[in-house]
Amino acid sequence: MTGSRYILFTLSLIYLSLSINAYAQDTQSTLPVGTVNDTPVYFEELLKEYAKSVNKTPELQELKSFLPLFLNYKAKIAFGRDFGLYEDPSILQEYDQYVTEASYSFLVDRVVKPKLFDEFSERSDWELKVFHVLITPSDSTELSTIDIRLNKAREDIQKGIPLDEVNNRYSSVMRGRKTGGTLQWITAGTTVKAFEDVVFDLRVGEVSEIFRTQFGFHIALLIDKREKTPARLVNHVYIQRKPDSSSVEKINKAYRALADSGRNWSEVVLNYSEDPASVSREGNIGWIHYTINLPEEFLNKVMTLPAPTPYSQPIETQFGYHIFKIDSVRTFDDLDDRSDFLRGRFENVNYKFEDKDFILEQANQRYPDQTFTKKNISEATISLFPEFKEIARSYLDGLVIFKINENHIWSANKEDSIAVQDIYQTNKDLYRIEERPFYFQFYANDSSLIEQVTTYVQSGNPPSSVKSEFRGVEVSMDSSTVYANISEFDLKSQKPETFTEIIPLNDSFTAVWLVKHLERRHMTYEEAFDQIYNDYLPQKEQRFINDLRDRYNVAENYPNLEQAYKSYTFSHEN
């Protein structure tokens, strides 16, 4: 075959394949597999509804079984519309309540969390050094006074007044300490979101306007901003500082064991370290980074060591003396690996996902052209998200169908009562209560208490009075349980007005007083009603469904279903 003929042949095959697939798609969307009220129902709609409850590719026989159920469902929807149930005030009230609450949950999952995670991920690349002044208002503090003080603090910062002096002059005092000051390096998720939002928008050297968080009123200065220093996995040998020279001698001895004697790290940790929490982990103190809540002096000494470091020389910190071992620096294989790590951190950040005002604020930031309010949240969510519109529609349909079932199937009317009576009279022998015990069972944590109860009842006292007479004894009475359900005792062969033996049961002791054996008998009509009605319900439902199918001309088209299914499987295979 020549080159040009081969190309033409290949193009012909591609065209044929595309034509067949187009035909298959057309078959699925244009062949009705049934009708309801003279309206065609197509294969695509059937498949979509089936997929809501079954997460797998359906077999043809499964769709054949599902088709009449789906058409019956649509007939009930038509019935609900014709009889005004979609305007029923009680249904609409429940629908409005559900859709409003569901809108908040939907926005959190589909809008707020993705928005915040993207923001969190971007900010996690950076570390900020921030100074702030914080005024915590009291009941007597006027907001105008706070504004004046913070604006003066802002002016002093811009004039170059030392930051410690500004903090001491203007910040509130709590538990004897100033509430403001220079923070450790922070990154995404380190502080509350209201604070983080402000400082991440600042340029280095810029002072913020006055802003509020849950802690009070702030101004903030961005002192420095740098790329985030990767965390490192740190182990240490630790010696507590003592007044004499013994702690220095001990850390040096541990170092010589590593450097001169070649002792392995885990052995030195076990023999020398005075940090019991990390000794069992070979001195591991976890991933250390600049934004962890540890003194900055300590962090600087750890974070400036080379990585990896088999062991450092002895290092003094405010905690005592250490030899550090740096195992590795946190890195990520790819963007997905980084995203998975950040996702774990993000889930532990205390965002206010239960706060409706916060949800609305975030949704409005994400969609500035769509205004979300507490009054219009359901309408706005429905208009913006087709999938939520489908959720809301399905819920309303469900409420309507529940009402139809309640009114026309589940609730018993006069006709039903007559039918149930006829069934009862015709089949009395089917509705019996078997021979059973009438008994009292007693429980107590102490077997001697049960012994006192047996003596009390055997002396002629009513067993029903035991609970009021004996503290710590529980009593149950039954006359409907069959013998087999009291598996610990053989009551069937026991004589009336006698006690069983006392036996341990779980964490207590128990015994049974058998009052008498109740004989096998027919149920009364009232006793049998629920059982008979439950057996009768499927017949009643089928009659209602048959009436619906006649009213709305419900019909399945199985040949079209088979043809559409073949097209569907072909298009998925190719």
Protein backbone atom coordinates (compact mmCIF):
# COMPACT_ATOMS: atom_id res chain seq x y z
CA MET A 1 0.00 0.00 0.00
CA THR A 2 1.49 3.35 -1.03
CA GLY A 3 1.98 6.12 1.50
CA SER A 4 -0.91 8.26 0.20
CA ARG A 5 -3.32 5.31 0.01
CA TYR A 6 -2.31 4.29 3.57
CA ILE A 7 -3.06 7.80 4.83
CA LEU A 8 -6.46 7.80 3.09
CA PHE A 9 -7.23 4.36 4.54
CA THR A 10 -6.30 5.52 8.05
CA LEU A 11 -8.38 8.67 7.75
CA SER A 12 -11.33 6.58 6.56
CA LEU A 13 -11.06 4.36 9.67
CA ILE A 14 -10.91 7.42 11.94
CA TYR A 15 -13.95 8.93 10.21
CA LEU A 16 -15.83 5.63 10.51
CA SER A 17 -14.98 5.39 14.22
CA LEU A 18 -16.10 8.97 14.86
CA SER A 19 -19.31 8.38 12.89
CA ILE A 20 -20.12 5.22 14.86
CA ASN A 21 -19.46 6.95 18.18
CA ALA A 22 -21.59 9.92 17.13
CA TYR A 23 -24.37 7.50 16.18
CA ALA A 24 -24.04 5.75 19.54
CA GLN A 25 -24.29 9.05 21.41
CA ASP A 26 -27.28 10.08 19.27
CA THR A 27 -28.99 6.75 19.94
CA GLN A 28 -28.65 7.23 23.69
CA SER A 29 -30.16 10.72 23.59
CA THR A 30 -32.91 10.25 20.98
CA LEU A 31 -34.32 6.78 21.63
CA PRO A 32 -37.04 6.93 24.32
CA VAL A 33 -36.86 3.97 26.71
CA GLY A 34 -40.28 4.81 28.17
CA THR A 35 -43.02 7.40 28.44
CA VAL A 36 -44.83 9.10 31.33
CA ASN A 37 -47.83 11.30 30.60
CA ASP A 38 -46.95 11.10 26.91
CA THR A 39 -43.51 12.59 27.63
CA PRO A 40 -40.53 10.51 26.44
CA VAL A 41 -37.89 9.35 28.92
CA TYR A 42 -34.46 8.85 27.36
CA PHE A 43 -31.67 6.42 28.15
CA GLU A 44 -29.30 9.15 29.34
CA GLU A 45 -31.77 10.27 32.00
CA LEU A 46 -32.33 6.69 33.14
CA LEU A 47 -28.58 6.07 33.37
CA LYS A 48 -27.97 9.30 35.29
CA GLU A 49 -30.64 8.44 37.87
CA TYR A 50 -29.34 4.87 38.21
CA ALA A 51 -25.81 6.15 38.84
CA LYS A 52 -26.98 8.17 41.86
CA SER A 53 -27.37 4.99 43.91
CA VAL A 54 -25.08 2.47 42.18
CA ASN A 55 -21.43 3.36 41.57
CA LYS A 56 -20.66 0.91 38.78
CA THR A 57 -21.36 0.31 35.11
CA PRO A 58 -24.87 -1.21 34.99
CA GLU A 59 -25.75 -4.50 33.36
CA LEU A 60 -28.63 -4.49 30.91
CA GLN A 61 -30.79 -6.61 33.21
CA GLU A 62 -30.21 -4.16 36.07
CA LEU A 63 -31.45 -1.29 33.90
CA LYS A 64 -34.46 -3.35 32.81
CA SER A 65 -35.34 -3.88 36.48
CA PHE A 66 -34.72 -0.22 37.30
CA LEU A 67 -36.70 1.23 34.37
CA PRO A 68 -40.25 0.59 35.73
CA LEU A 69 -39.19 1.88 39.17
CA PHE A 70 -37.88 5.09 37.59
CA LEU A 71 -41.00 5.58 35.46
CA ASN A 72 -43.20 5.00 38.52
CA TYR A 73 -41.12 7.62 40.34
CA LYS A 74 -41.71 10.13 37.53
CA ALA A 75 -45.42 9.32 37.59
CA LYS A 76 -45.49 10.19 41.30
CA ILE A 77 -43.76 13.49 40.49
CA ALA A 78 -46.44 14.22 37.88
CA PHE A 79 -49.14 13.30 40.41
CA GLY A 80 -47.58 15.67 42.96
CA ARG A 81 -47.61 18.55 40.47
CA ASP A 82 -51.20 17.92 39.43
CA PHE A 83 -52.41 17.87 43.02
CA GLY A 84 -50.53 20.99 44.14
CA LEU A 85 -47.98 19.35 46.42
CA TYR A 86 -45.19 21.51 45.00
CA GLU A 87 -47.08 24.50 46.42
CA ASP A 88 -47.88 22.81 49.75
CA PRO A 89 -46.80 25.27 52.52
CA SER A 90 -45.54 22.55 54.88
CA ILE A 91 -43.41 20.98 52.14
CA LEU A 92 -42.04 24.32 51.00
CA GLN A 93 -41.18 25.30 54.56
CA GLU A 94 -39.20 22.11 55.11
CA TYR A 95 -37.59 22.50 51.68
CA ASP A 96 -36.53 26.09 52.42
CA GLN A 97 -35.02 25.09 55.76
CA TYR A 98 -33.07 22.23 54.20
CA VAL A 99 -31.82 24.16 51.17
CA THR A 100 -30.69 27.10 53.28
CA GLU A 101 -28.60 24.91 55.61
CA ALA A 102 -27.37 22.76 52.71
CA SER A 103 -26.23 25.91 50.89
CA TYR A 104 -23.80 26.73 53.70
CA SER A 105 -22.38 23.19 53.71
CA PHE A 106 -22.12 23.17 49.92
CA LEU A 107 -20.31 26.53 49.85
CA VAL A 108 -17.86 25.39 52.50
CA ASP A 109 -16.93 22.26 50.51
CA ARG A 110 -17.05 23.71 47.01
CA VAL A 111 -16.01 27.34 47.49
CA VAL A 112 -14.60 28.26 50.89
CA LYS A 113 -12.25 25.35 51.52
CA PRO A 114 -10.73 25.36 48.00
CA LYS A 115 -10.28 29.15 48.16
CA LEU A 116 -8.65 29.01 51.58
CA PHE A 117 -6.45 26.07 50.65
CA ASP A 118 -5.12 27.86 47.56
CA GLU A 119 -4.37 30.86 49.75
CA PHE A 120 -2.84 28.64 52.46
CA SER A 121 -0.67 26.84 49.90
CA GLU A 122 0.66 30.09 48.42
CA ARG A 123 1.40 31.63 51.82
CA SER A 124 3.14 28.46 53.02
CA ASP A 125 6.11 29.34 50.77
CA TRP A 126 6.91 32.34 53.00
CA GLU A 127 7.93 33.26 56.54
CA LEU A 128 7.17 36.69 58.01
CA LYS A 129 8.72 38.56 60.91
CA VAL A 130 6.01 40.79 62.36
CA PHE A 131 5.74 43.34 65.15
CA HIS A 132 2.31 44.37 66.43
CA VAL A 133 0.63 46.53 69.02
CA LEU A 134 -2.46 44.95 70.59
CA ILE A 135 -5.08 46.71 72.69
CA THR A 136 -7.56 44.43 74.36
CA PRO A 137 -10.73 46.44 75.01
CA SER A 138 -12.48 46.36 78.36
CA ASP A 139 -16.11 47.25 79.08
CA SER A 140 -15.05 50.80 79.96
CA THR A 141 -12.79 51.32 76.93
CA GLU A 142 -14.25 53.52 74.21
CA LEU A 143 -13.38 52.68 70.60
CA SER A 144 -12.39 56.30 69.91
CA THR A 145 -9.76 56.05 72.66
CA ILE A 146 -8.38 52.85 71.10
CA ASP A 147 -8.18 54.53 67.68
CA ILE A 148 -6.25 57.48 69.14
CA ARG A 149 -3.72 55.24 70.95
CA LEU A 150 -3.13 52.97 67.95
CA ASN A 151 -2.74 55.89 65.54
CA LYS A 152 -0.15 57.39 67.89
CA ALA A 153 1.61 54.02 68.01
CA ARG A 154 1.58 53.94 64.22
CA GLU A 155 3.15 57.42 64.06
CA ASP A 156 5.84 56.42 66.57
CA ILE A 157 6.77 53.36 64.51
CA GLN A 158 7.04 55.49 61.38
CA LYS A 159 9.24 57.97 63.29
CA GLY A 160 11.64 55.14 64.15
CA ILE A 161 10.87 54.87 67.88
CA PRO A 162 12.30 51.52 69.11
CA LEU A 163 9.65 48.80 68.79
CA ASP A 164 10.02 47.57 72.38
CA GLU A 165 9.33 51.11 73.57
CA VAL A 166 6.24 51.36 71.32
CA ASN A 167 4.93 48.05 72.62
CA ASN A 168 5.48 49.02 76.25
CA ARG A 169 3.82 52.37 75.72
CA TYR A 170 0.66 51.28 73.88
CA SER A 171 -0.11 47.54 74.15
CA SER A 172 -2.46 46.18 76.82
CA VAL A 173 -1.19 44.15 79.74
CA MET A 174 -2.45 40.63 80.38
CA ARG A 175 -1.19 38.41 83.21
CA GLY A 176 1.61 40.87 83.84
CA ARG A 177 2.90 40.89 80.25
CA LYS A 178 2.43 43.18 77.29
CA THR A 179 0.10 41.62 74.68
CA GLY A 180 1.98 43.00 71.66
CA GLY A 181 5.60 42.81 70.55
CA THR A 182 7.71 41.10 67.92
CA LEU A 183 6.46 37.65 67.01
CA GLN A 184 8.51 34.65 66.02
CA TRP A 185 8.60 33.90 62.31
CA ILE A 186 5.09 33.06 61.17
CA THR A 187 3.69 31.33 58.11
CA ALA A 188 0.27 30.22 56.87
CA GLY A 189 -1.84 28.84 59.71
CA THR A 190 0.42 30.13 62.50
CA THR A 191 -1.91 32.95 63.58
CA VAL A 192 -5.66 33.55 63.37
CA LYS A 193 -6.84 34.26 59.85
CA ALA A 194 -7.84 37.89 60.46
CA PHE A 195 -4.28 38.67 61.55
CA GLU A 196 -2.70 36.59 58.78
CA ASP A 197 -4.79 38.29 56.08
CA VAL A 198 -3.49 41.72 57.07
CA VAL A 199 0.20 40.94 57.50
CA PHE A 200 0.50 38.89 54.30
CA ASP A 201 -0.77 41.90 52.37
CA LEU A 202 1.91 44.23 53.79
CA ARG A 203 5.17 45.19 52.13
CA VAL A 204 8.36 44.93 54.19
CA GLY A 205 8.59 48.08 56.33
CA GLU A 206 4.88 48.89 55.94
CA VAL A 207 2.63 49.52 58.95
CA SER A 208 -0.98 48.37 58.68
CA GLU A 209 -4.09 50.34 59.38
CA ILE A 210 -6.02 49.49 62.56
CA PHE A 211 -7.68 46.06 62.34
CA ARG A 212 -9.53 43.77 64.69
CA THR A 213 -9.17 40.07 65.58
CA GLN A 214 -10.78 37.96 68.27
CA PHE A 215 -8.05 39.19 70.65
CA GLY A 216 -8.63 42.92 70.22
CA PHE A 217 -7.43 45.82 68.06
CA HIS A 218 -4.01 45.80 66.32
CA ILE A 219 -1.62 47.61 64.14
CA ALA A 220 1.14 45.50 62.57
CA LEU A 221 4.56 46.17 61.05
CA LEU A 222 6.07 43.71 58.57
CA ILE A 223 9.74 43.66 59.59
CA ASP A 224 10.94 41.01 57.15
CA LYS A 225 9.72 38.44 54.65
CA ARG A 226 11.66 35.50 53.28
CA GLU A 227 11.17 32.18 51.55
CA LYS A 228 10.24 29.49 54.05
CA THR A 229 13.23 27.63 55.47
CA PRO A 230 12.62 23.87 55.06
CA ALA A 231 11.99 21.95 58.26
CA ARG A 232 14.62 19.47 59.41
CA LEU A 233 14.32 16.21 61.33
CA VAL A 234 16.28 16.67 64.57
CA ASN A 235 17.60 14.32 67.26
CA HIS A 236 19.59 15.31 70.32
CA VAL A 237 21.53 14.17 73.33
CA TYR A 238 20.43 16.51 76.12
CA ILE A 239 22.04 17.32 79.47
CA GLN A 240 20.33 19.55 82.00
CA ARG A 241 22.28 22.62 83.18
CA LYS A 242 23.56 22.30 86.78
CA PRO A 243 25.23 24.85 89.07
CA ASP A 244 28.53 22.99 88.99
CA SER A 245 30.57 21.79 86.01
CA SER A 246 29.11 18.27 85.94
CA SER A 247 26.70 18.95 83.10
CA VAL A 248 29.51 20.34 80.88
CA GLU A 249 31.68 17.34 81.70
CA LYS A 250 28.85 14.92 80.88
CA ILE A 251 28.01 16.50 77.48
CA ASN A 252 31.72 16.51 76.58
CA LYS A 253 31.98 12.86 77.61
CA ALA A 254 28.99 12.04 75.36
CA TYR A 255 30.66 13.92 72.50
CA ARG A 256 33.95 12.01 72.96
CA ALA A 257 32.01 8.76 72.91
CA LEU A 258 30.77 9.70 69.44
CA ALA A 259 33.87 11.42 68.05
CA ASP A 260 36.74 9.44 69.61
CA SER A 261 35.30 6.07 70.57
CA GLY A 262 33.04 5.61 67.54
CA ARG A 263 30.03 4.66 69.66
CA ASN A 264 26.79 4.64 67.68
CA TRP A 265 24.22 7.40 68.16
CA SER A 266 21.45 5.33 69.76
CA GLU A 267 23.87 3.90 72.35
CA VAL A 268 25.10 7.37 73.33
CA VAL A 269 21.52 8.67 73.62
CA LEU A 270 20.59 5.75 75.86
CA ASN A 271 23.63 6.11 78.12
CA TYR A 272 23.87 9.90 78.40
CA SER A 273 20.70 11.82 77.43
CA GLU A 274 18.56 13.32 80.20
CA ASP A 275 15.48 13.87 78.03
CA PRO A 276 13.28 10.86 78.90
CA ALA A 277 10.64 11.82 76.33
CA SER A 278 13.06 11.40 73.41
CA VAL A 279 15.38 8.65 74.69
CA SER A 280 12.97 5.90 73.58
CA ARG A 281 12.99 7.45 70.08
CA GLU A 282 16.80 7.58 69.80
CA GLY A 283 16.71 11.26 70.76
CA ASN A 284 14.22 12.25 68.05
CA ILE A 285 12.50 15.59 68.83
CA GLY A 286 10.65 15.81 65.52
CA TRP A 287 10.61 18.26 62.63
CA ILE A 288 12.00 21.63 63.66
CA HIS A 289 11.34 24.85 61.73
CA TYR A 290 11.39 28.58 62.39
CA THR A 291 7.61 28.84 62.84
CA ILE A 292 7.42 26.24 65.63
CA ASN A 293 6.71 27.56 69.13
CA LEU A 294 10.26 27.40 70.51
CA PRO A 295 12.64 30.21 71.54
CA GLU A 296 14.29 31.83 68.53
CA GLU A 297 17.79 31.44 70.05
CA PHE A 298 17.28 27.68 70.16
CA LEU A 299 15.87 27.60 66.63
CA ASN A 300 18.76 29.61 65.20
CA LYS A 301 21.30 27.17 66.62
CA VAL A 302 19.45 24.15 65.23
CA MET A 303 18.46 25.61 61.86
CA THR A 304 21.96 26.89 60.98
CA LEU A 305 23.58 23.46 61.34
CA PRO A 306 24.49 21.72 58.06
CA ALA A 307 22.05 19.09 56.87
CA PRO A 308 22.66 16.27 57.30
CA THR A 309 24.80 16.43 60.46
CA PRO A 310 25.81 13.04 61.97
CA TYR A 311 26.44 14.82 65.28
CA SER A 312 27.28 18.39 66.24
CA GLN A 313 29.75 19.63 68.78
CA PRO A 314 28.20 20.35 72.19
CA ILE A 315 25.88 23.38 71.96
CA GLU A 316 24.51 25.42 74.86
CA THR A 317 20.95 26.77 74.69
CA GLN A 318 18.63 28.26 77.30
CA PHE A 319 17.42 24.68 78.00
CA GLY A 320 20.84 23.19 78.73
CA TYR A 321 23.48 21.37 76.67
CA HIS A 322 22.87 19.43 73.47
CA ILE A 323 24.51 17.40 70.77
CA PHE A 324 22.30 17.65 67.69
CA LYS A 325 21.93 15.15 64.90
CA ILE A 326 20.22 16.42 61.73
CA ASP A 327 18.82 13.50 59.76
CA SER A 328 17.18 15.20 56.80
CA VAL A 329 15.52 18.30 55.40
CA ARG A 330 11.88 18.14 54.39
CA THR A 331 11.54 17.98 50.62
CA PHE A 332 8.73 16.94 48.29
CA ASP A 333 8.87 14.59 45.33
CA ASP A 334 6.46 16.68 43.30
CA LEU A 335 3.64 19.21 43.58
CA ASP A 336 1.12 16.50 44.53
CA ASP A 337 3.37 15.37 47.38
CA ARG A 338 3.64 18.97 48.64
CA SER A 339 -0.12 19.45 48.26
CA ASP A 340 -0.85 16.31 50.30
CA PHE A 341 1.45 17.52 53.10
CA LEU A 342 -0.11 20.98 53.13
CA ARG A 343 -3.59 19.48 53.04
CA GLY A 344 -2.83 17.72 56.34
CA ARG A 345 -1.70 21.00 57.91
CA PHE A 346 -4.65 22.88 56.44
CA GLU A 347 -7.15 20.48 58.01
CA ASN A 348 -5.73 21.27 61.45
CA VAL A 349 -6.12 25.05 61.09
CA ASN A 350 -9.04 26.39 63.10
CA TYR A 351 -11.02 28.11 60.36
CA LYS A 352 -14.55 29.21 61.27
CA PHE A 353 -16.42 26.86 58.95
CA GLU A 354 -19.42 26.81 61.29
CA ASP A 355 -19.66 30.64 61.24
CA LYS A 356 -22.25 31.62 58.62
CA ASP A 357 -20.98 35.20 58.37
CA PHE A 358 -17.49 33.87 57.65
CA ILE A 359 -18.84 31.54 54.93
CA LEU A 360 -20.73 34.41 53.28
CA GLU A 361 -17.67 36.67 53.47
CA GLN A 362 -15.43 34.08 51.80
CA ALA A 363 -18.04 33.24 49.12
CA ASN A 364 -18.45 36.93 48.25
CA GLN A 365 -14.69 37.33 47.95
CA ARG A 366 -14.51 34.35 45.61
CA TYR A 367 -17.48 35.49 43.48
CA PRO A 368 -17.55 39.31 43.61
CA ASP A 369 -20.22 39.48 40.89
CA GLN A 370 -22.63 37.36 42.95
CA THR A 371 -23.85 38.71 46.29
CA PHE A 372 -24.45 36.06 48.98
CA THR A 373 -26.57 37.07 51.97
CA LYS A 374 -28.40 35.17 54.68
CA LYS A 375 -31.67 35.96 52.90
CA ASN A 376 -30.68 34.88 49.41
CA ILE A 377 -28.04 32.22 50.03
CA SER A 378 -30.11 29.31 48.69
CA GLU A 379 -31.22 31.21 45.56
CA ALA A 380 -27.66 32.46 44.91
CA THR A 381 -26.16 28.99 45.36
CA ILE A 382 -28.77 27.39 43.10
CA SER A 383 -28.23 30.01 40.38
CA LEU A 384 -24.45 29.66 40.44
CA PHE A 385 -24.04 25.88 40.80
CA PRO A 386 -26.06 23.53 38.55
CA GLU A 387 -25.09 20.53 40.72
CA PHE A 388 -26.57 22.19 43.80
CA LYS A 389 -29.69 23.05 41.83
CA GLU A 390 -30.01 19.32 41.13
CA ILE A 391 -29.52 18.51 44.84
CA ALA A 392 -32.26 20.97 45.80
CA ARG A 393 -34.62 19.67 43.10
CA SER A 394 -34.07 16.07 44.21
CA TYR A 395 -34.78 16.97 47.82
CA LEU A 396 -38.03 18.73 46.90
CA ASP A 397 -39.07 15.74 44.78
CA GLY A 398 -38.28 13.50 47.75
CA LEU A 399 -40.49 15.55 50.07
CA VAL A 400 -43.35 15.40 47.56
CA ILE A 401 -43.03 11.64 47.10
CA PHE A 402 -42.85 11.14 50.87
CA LYS A 403 -46.11 13.10 51.20
CA ILE A 404 -47.74 11.00 48.46
CA ASN A 405 -46.64 7.77 50.12
CA GLU A 406 -47.80 9.04 53.51
CA ASN A 407 -51.23 10.07 52.24
CA HIS A 408 -51.95 7.27 49.78
CA ILE A 409 -49.98 4.23 50.99
CA TRP A 410 -48.76 4.29 54.56
CA SER A 411 -51.75 5.89 56.33
CA ALA A 412 -54.62 3.51 57.00
CA ASN A 413 -58.11 4.66 55.91
CA LYS A 414 -61.54 3.12 56.44
CA GLU A 415 -61.19 0.92 53.36
CA ASP A 416 -57.84 -0.35 54.65
CA SER A 417 -59.32 -1.18 58.07
CA ILE A 418 -62.05 -3.25 56.43
CA ALA A 419 -59.47 -5.07 54.31
CA VAL A 420 -57.25 -5.78 57.33
CA GLN A 421 -60.26 -7.06 59.30
CA ASP A 422 -61.13 -9.41 56.46
CA ILE A 423 -57.56 -10.72 56.38
CA TYR A 424 -57.65 -11.21 60.17
CA GLN A 425 -60.97 -13.05 60.16
CA THR A 426 -59.92 -15.28 57.27
CA ASN A 427 -56.45 -16.11 58.63
CA LYS A 428 -56.77 -16.06 62.42
CA ASP A 429 -54.58 -19.10 62.84
CA LEU A 430 -51.66 -17.20 61.30
CA TYR A 431 -51.72 -14.62 64.06
CA ARG A 432 -50.87 -16.23 67.38
CA ILE A 433 -48.88 -15.45 70.49
CA GLU A 434 -46.86 -18.49 71.45
CA GLU A 435 -46.59 -19.92 74.97
CA ARG A 436 -44.34 -17.59 76.95
CA PRO A 437 -43.16 -16.77 80.44
CA PHE A 438 -44.40 -13.94 82.60
CA TYR A 439 -41.43 -13.09 84.81
CA PHE A 440 -39.45 -10.53 86.78
CA GLN A 441 -35.68 -10.35 86.33
CA PHE A 442 -33.46 -8.76 88.97
CA TYR A 443 -29.91 -7.38 88.55
CA ALA A 444 -27.36 -6.14 91.11
CA ASN A 445 -23.58 -5.73 91.34
CA ASP A 446 -23.54 -7.74 94.58
CA SER A 447 -24.86 -11.34 94.65
CA SER A 448 -25.84 -10.94 98.32
CA LEU A 449 -28.35 -8.26 97.25
CA ILE A 450 -29.97 -10.74 94.86
CA GLU A 451 -30.12 -13.30 97.72
CA GLN A 452 -31.97 -10.73 99.86
CA VAL A 453 -34.40 -10.12 96.96
CA THR A 454 -35.16 -13.85 96.59
CA THR A 455 -35.90 -14.12 100.32
CA TYR A 456 -38.09 -11.02 100.15
CA VAL A 457 -40.19 -12.25 97.20
CA GLN A 458 -40.43 -15.83 98.47
CA SER A 459 -41.85 -14.43 101.72
CA GLY A 460 -44.92 -13.27 99.78
CA ASN A 461 -43.94 -9.69 98.95
CA PRO A 462 -44.87 -8.46 95.45
CA PRO A 463 -41.90 -8.56 93.05
CA SER A 464 -43.04 -5.21 91.61
CA SER A 465 -42.04 -3.53 94.91
CA VAL A 466 -38.41 -4.71 94.85
CA LYS A 467 -37.02 -1.62 93.10
CA SER A 468 -38.45 0.71 95.73
CA GLU A 469 -37.38 -1.54 98.63
CA PHE A 470 -33.82 -2.41 97.56
CA ARG A 471 -31.32 0.24 96.57
CA GLY A 472 -28.94 -0.90 93.83
CA VAL A 473 -31.29 -3.49 92.32
CA GLU A 474 -32.59 -3.12 88.75
CA VAL A 475 -35.85 -4.84 87.76
CA SER A 476 -37.28 -5.78 84.38
CA MET A 477 -40.65 -7.40 83.74
CA ASP A 478 -41.72 -9.20 80.56
CA SER A 479 -44.67 -11.21 79.33
CA SER A 480 -44.04 -11.16 75.58
CA THR A 481 -40.52 -12.54 75.26
CA VAL A 482 -40.34 -16.14 74.10
CA TYR A 483 -38.34 -18.54 76.24
CA ALA A 484 -35.38 -18.69 73.89
CA ASN A 485 -34.68 -14.98 74.36
CA ILE A 486 -33.78 -15.52 78.03
CA SER A 487 -30.87 -17.68 77.01
CA GLU A 488 -29.25 -17.80 80.45
CA PHE A 489 -32.19 -19.66 81.98
CA ASP A 490 -34.37 -22.69 81.17
CA LEU A 491 -37.70 -21.10 82.10
CA LYS A 492 -39.75 -23.48 80.00
CA SER A 493 -39.25 -26.31 82.47
CA GLN A 494 -39.33 -24.12 85.60
CA LYS A 495 -42.26 -24.19 88.00
CA PRO A 496 -44.29 -20.98 88.46
CA GLU A 497 -43.63 -18.84 91.55
CA THR A 498 -40.05 -20.02 91.89
CA PHE A 499 -36.64 -18.43 91.41
CA THR A 500 -33.89 -19.49 89.06
CA GLU A 501 -30.41 -19.84 90.44
CA ILE A 502 -28.33 -16.68 90.80
CA ILE A 503 -25.79 -16.37 88.00
CA PRO A 504 -23.16 -13.79 86.96
CA LEU A 505 -24.14 -11.76 83.91
CA ASN A 506 -21.63 -9.32 82.40
CA ASP A 507 -20.43 -7.28 85.40
CA SER A 508 -23.41 -8.03 87.67
CA PHE A 509 -25.54 -10.85 89.06
CA THR A 510 -29.07 -11.81 88.09
CA ALA A 511 -31.94 -14.12 88.91
CA VAL A 512 -35.48 -14.56 87.50
CA TRP A 513 -38.76 -14.98 89.37
CA LEU A 514 -41.19 -16.89 87.14
CA VAL A 515 -44.74 -15.73 87.84
CA LYS A 516 -46.50 -18.13 85.48
CA HIS A 517 -46.54 -19.69 82.00
CA LEU A 518 -48.88 -17.85 79.63
CA GLU A 519 -50.65 -20.20 77.24
CA ARG A 520 -50.47 -20.05 73.47
CA ARG A 521 -53.43 -18.05 72.10
CA HIS A 522 -54.78 -16.14 69.12
CA MET A 523 -53.87 -12.47 68.86
CA THR A 524 -56.67 -10.02 69.23
CA TYR A 525 -57.41 -7.86 66.17
CA GLU A 526 -55.69 -4.91 67.85
CA GLU A 527 -52.58 -6.97 68.63
CA ALA A 528 -52.39 -8.30 65.08
CA PHE A 529 -53.18 -5.04 63.26
CA ASP A 530 -49.60 -3.79 62.73
CA GLN A 531 -48.39 -7.16 61.50
CA ILE A 532 -51.33 -7.58 59.11
CA TYR A 533 -51.12 -4.01 57.85
CA ASN A 534 -47.41 -4.40 57.09
CA ASP A 535 -48.23 -7.52 55.06
CA TYR A 536 -51.08 -5.65 53.38
CA LEU A 537 -49.08 -2.52 52.47
CA PRO A 538 -47.35 -3.96 49.36
CA GLN A 539 -50.76 -4.86 47.89
CA LYS A 540 -52.06 -1.38 48.62
CA GLU A 541 -48.95 0.24 47.13
CA GLN A 542 -49.21 -1.86 43.98
CA ARG A 543 -52.85 -0.84 43.49
CA PHE A 544 -51.86 2.82 43.84
CA ILE A 545 -48.97 2.35 41.36
CA ASN A 546 -51.29 0.62 38.89
CA ASP A 547 -53.73 3.54 39.12
CA LEU A 548 -50.86 5.99 38.58
CA ARG A 549 -49.61 4.09 35.55
CA ASP A 550 -53.08 4.14 34.03
CA ARG A 551 -53.57 7.84 34.84
CA TYR A 552 -50.23 8.89 33.27
CA ASN A 553 -49.96 6.29 30.49
CA VAL A 554 -46.71 4.88 31.86
CA ALA A 555 -45.04 2.49 29.41
CA GLU A 556 -41.61 0.87 29.15
CA ASN A 557 -39.91 0.44 25.78
CA TYR A 558 -37.53 -2.49 26.34
CA PRO A 559 -36.46 -2.88 22.67
CA ASN A 560 -35.28 0.76 22.65
CA LEU A 561 -33.55 0.18 26.00
CA GLU A 562 -31.66 -2.78 24.55
CA GLN A 563 -30.62 -0.79 21.48
CA ALA A 564 -29.53 2.23 23.53
CA TYR A 565 -27.61 -0.05 25.91
CA LYS A 566 -25.71 -1.62 23.01
CA SER A 567 -24.75 1.85 21.78
CA TYR A 568 -23.73 2.82 25.31
CA THR A 569 -21.47 -0.19 25.82
CA PHE A 570 -19.99 0.23 22.32
CA SER A 571 -19.12 3.89 22.90
CA HIS A 572 -17.48 3.05 26.26
CA GLU A 573 -15.44 0.22 24.76
CA ASN A 574 -14.23 2.42 21.92
